[in-house]
Amino acid sequence: MSYASSCSAALWTCGRAPLDDPQAVLGAVPEVEGWEQTPSGYTLTVSDPDRAAPALARALVAANANILSLAESHHSLEDIYLKLIDEDVEARSR
């Protein structure tokens, strides 16, 4: 994994109910690189949160989602380090 992709920003969204077709809604936003459903909403990996957040809000409203929250989540330096180490084949073999 490259440094750039491991440092992608994350957005978190929370709604009253899950989306009927999250892939169609979330996948339609070009800046969304990936997403996962959580008990409280969706966590998205995005290339540019400043561009993704407004586009994501428009996509959610168009899908009749009741948005309770849309926020950028921040990762600690420890989280990033552990993710990089976990993906580093050489570090795992030590």
C-alpha atoms as a PDB file:
ATOM      1  CA  MET A   1       0.000   0.000   0.000  1.00  0.00           C
ATOM      2  CA  SER A   2       1.336   3.409  -0.871  1.00  0.00           C
ATOM      3  CA  TYR A   3       1.717   6.220   1.643  1.00  0.00           C
ATOM      4  CA  ALA A   4      -0.883   8.315  -0.188  1.00  0.00           C
ATOM      5  CA  SER A   5      -3.596   5.676  -0.025  1.00  0.00           C
ATOM      6  CA  SER A   6      -2.865   4.838   3.601  1.00  0.00           C
ATOM      7  CA  CYS A   7      -3.337   8.489   4.521  1.00  0.00           C
ATOM      8  CA  SER A   8      -6.683   8.976   2.839  1.00  0.00           C
ATOM      9  CA  ALA A   9      -9.176  10.863   4.906  1.00  0.00           C
ATOM     10  CA  ALA A  10     -12.268   9.298   6.357  1.00  0.00           C
ATOM     11  CA  LEU A  11     -15.787  10.623   6.575  1.00  0.00           C
ATOM     12  CA  TRP A  12     -18.414   9.287   8.895  1.00  0.00           C
ATOM     13  CA  THR A  13     -22.117   9.565   8.269  1.00  0.00           C
ATOM     14  CA  CYS A  14     -25.040   8.684  10.463  1.00  0.00           C
ATOM     15  CA  GLY A  15     -28.674   8.441   9.434  1.00  0.00           C
ATOM     16  CA  ARG A  16     -31.942   7.261  10.926  1.00  0.00           C
ATOM     17  CA  ALA A  17     -31.968   4.063   8.835  1.00  0.00           C
ATOM     18  CA  PRO A  18     -29.543   2.174   6.570  1.00  0.00           C
ATOM     19  CA  LEU A  19     -29.539   3.025   2.880  1.00  0.00           C
ATOM     20  CA  ASP A  20     -31.496   0.682   0.607  1.00  0.00           C
ATOM     21  CA  ASP A  21     -28.554   0.437  -1.819  1.00  0.00           C
ATOM     22  CA  PRO A  22     -25.446   1.925  -0.199  1.00  0.00           C
ATOM     23  CA  GLN A  23     -23.141   0.910  -3.051  1.00  0.00           C
ATOM     24  CA  ALA A  24     -25.252   2.820  -5.574  1.00  0.00           C
ATOM     25  CA  VAL A  25     -25.355   5.941  -3.395  1.00  0.00           C
ATOM     26  CA  LEU A  26     -21.848   5.968  -1.921  1.00  0.00           C
ATOM     27  CA  GLY A  27     -20.144   4.527  -4.996  1.00  0.00           C
ATOM     28  CA  ALA A  28     -21.558   7.319  -7.152  1.00  0.00           C
ATOM     29  CA  VAL A  29     -19.402   9.911  -5.383  1.00  0.00           C
ATOM     30  CA  PRO A  30     -16.055   9.988  -7.257  1.00  0.00           C
ATOM     31  CA  GLU A  31     -13.992  10.846  -4.170  1.00  0.00           C
ATOM     32  CA  VAL A  32     -15.235   7.808  -2.230  1.00  0.00           C
ATOM     33  CA  GLU A  33     -12.506   5.158  -2.362  1.00  0.00           C
ATOM     34  CA  GLY A  34     -14.265   2.676  -0.095  1.00  0.00           C
ATOM     35  CA  TRP A  35     -16.863   2.360   2.628  1.00  0.00           C
ATOM     36  CA  GLU A  36     -18.081   0.078   5.365  1.00  0.00           C
ATOM     37  CA  GLN A  37     -21.346  -0.058   7.246  1.00  0.00           C
ATOM     38  CA  THR A  38     -21.094   0.312  11.014  1.00  0.00           C
ATOM     39  CA  PRO A  39     -23.779  -0.066  13.678  1.00  0.00           C
ATOM     40  CA  SER A  40     -24.210   3.710  13.753  1.00  0.00           C
ATOM     41  CA  GLY A  41     -23.842   4.581  10.056  1.00  0.00           C
ATOM     42  CA  TYR A  42     -21.134   4.369   7.407  1.00  0.00           C
ATOM     43  CA  THR A  43     -17.407   5.031   7.482  1.00  0.00           C
ATOM     44  CA  LEU A  44     -16.000   6.133   4.141  1.00  0.00           C
ATOM     45  CA  THR A  45     -12.446   6.435   2.883  1.00  0.00           C
ATOM     46  CA  VAL A  46     -12.213   9.459   0.604  1.00  0.00           C
ATOM     47  CA  SER A  47      -9.495  11.062  -1.464  1.00  0.00           C
ATOM     48  CA  ASP A  48     -10.500  14.648  -0.631  1.00  0.00           C
ATOM     49  CA  PRO A  49     -12.923  15.306   2.244  1.00  0.00           C
ATOM     50  CA  ASP A  50     -13.469  18.934   1.205  1.00  0.00           C
ATOM     51  CA  ARG A  51     -14.852  17.802  -2.137  1.00  0.00           C
ATOM     52  CA  ALA A  52     -16.410  14.542  -0.951  1.00  0.00           C
ATOM     53  CA  ALA A  53     -18.533  15.920   1.915  1.00  0.00           C
ATOM     54  CA  PRO A  54     -20.775  18.214  -0.188  1.00  0.00           C
ATOM     55  CA  ALA A  55     -21.123  15.603  -2.949  1.00  0.00           C
ATOM     56  CA  LEU A  56     -21.912  12.931  -0.380  1.00  0.00           C
ATOM     57  CA  ALA A  57     -24.541  15.126   1.297  1.00  0.00           C
ATOM     58  CA  ARG A  58     -26.197  15.727  -2.098  1.00  0.00           C
ATOM     59  CA  ALA A  59     -26.136  11.989  -2.895  1.00  0.00           C
ATOM     60  CA  LEU A  60     -27.643  11.087   0.488  1.00  0.00           C
ATOM     61  CA  VAL A  61     -30.412  13.683   0.159  1.00  0.00           C
ATOM     62  CA  ALA A  62     -31.166  12.472  -3.375  1.00  0.00           C
ATOM     63  CA  ALA A  63     -31.502   8.938  -1.932  1.00  0.00           C
ATOM     64  CA  ASN A  64     -34.031  10.269   0.634  1.00  0.00           C
ATOM     65  CA  ALA A  65     -31.662   9.546   3.524  1.00  0.00           C
ATOM     66  CA  ASN A  66     -32.282  11.371   6.793  1.00  0.00           C
ATOM     67  CA  ILE A  67     -28.787  12.631   7.617  1.00  0.00           C
ATOM     68  CA  LEU A  68     -28.141  13.046  11.323  1.00  0.00           C
ATOM     69  CA  SER A  69     -24.413  13.700  11.013  1.00  0.00           C
ATOM     70  CA  LEU A  70     -21.665  13.960   8.411  1.00  0.00           C
ATOM     71  CA  ALA A  71     -18.190  14.533   9.792  1.00  0.00           C
ATOM     72  CA  GLU A  72     -14.528  13.990   9.050  1.00  0.00           C
ATOM     73  CA  SER A  73     -12.933  11.481  11.363  1.00  0.00           C
ATOM     74  CA  HIS A  74      -9.335  11.894  12.378  1.00  0.00           C
ATOM     75  CA  HIS A  75      -6.860   9.097  12.917  1.00  0.00           C
ATOM     76  CA  SER A  76      -4.193   9.253  15.570  1.00  0.00           C
ATOM     77  CA  LEU A  77      -0.560   8.860  14.643  1.00  0.00           C
ATOM     78  CA  GLU A  78      -0.675   5.505  16.445  1.00  0.00           C
ATOM     79  CA  ASP A  79      -3.603   4.326  14.266  1.00  0.00           C
ATOM     80  CA  ILE A  80      -1.725   5.237  11.085  1.00  0.00           C
ATOM     81  CA  TYR A  81       1.492   3.598  12.333  1.00  0.00           C
ATOM     82  CA  LEU A  82      -0.290   0.371  13.265  1.00  0.00           C
ATOM     83  CA  LYS A  83      -2.065   0.270   9.910  1.00  0.00           C
ATOM     84  CA  LEU A  84       1.219   0.721   8.033  1.00  0.00           C
ATOM     85  CA  ILE A  85       2.990  -1.904  10.157  1.00  0.00           C
ATOM     86  CA  ASP A  86       0.123  -4.358   9.690  1.00  0.00           C
ATOM     87  CA  GLU A  87       0.435  -3.964   5.916  1.00  0.00           C
ATOM     88  CA  ASP A  88       4.251  -4.139   5.903  1.00  0.00           C
ATOM     89  CA  VAL A  89       5.188  -7.710   4.952  1.00  0.00           C
ATOM     90  CA  GLU A  90       8.773  -7.294   6.206  1.00  0.00           C
ATOM     91  CA  ALA A  91       7.651  -5.998   9.607  1.00  0.00           C
ATOM     92  CA  ARG A  92       5.255  -8.932  10.068  1.00  0.00           C
ATOM     93  CA  SER A  93       7.990 -11.474   9.366  1.00  0.00           C
ATOM     94  CA  ARG A  94      10.200 -10.202  12.211  1.00  0.00           C
END
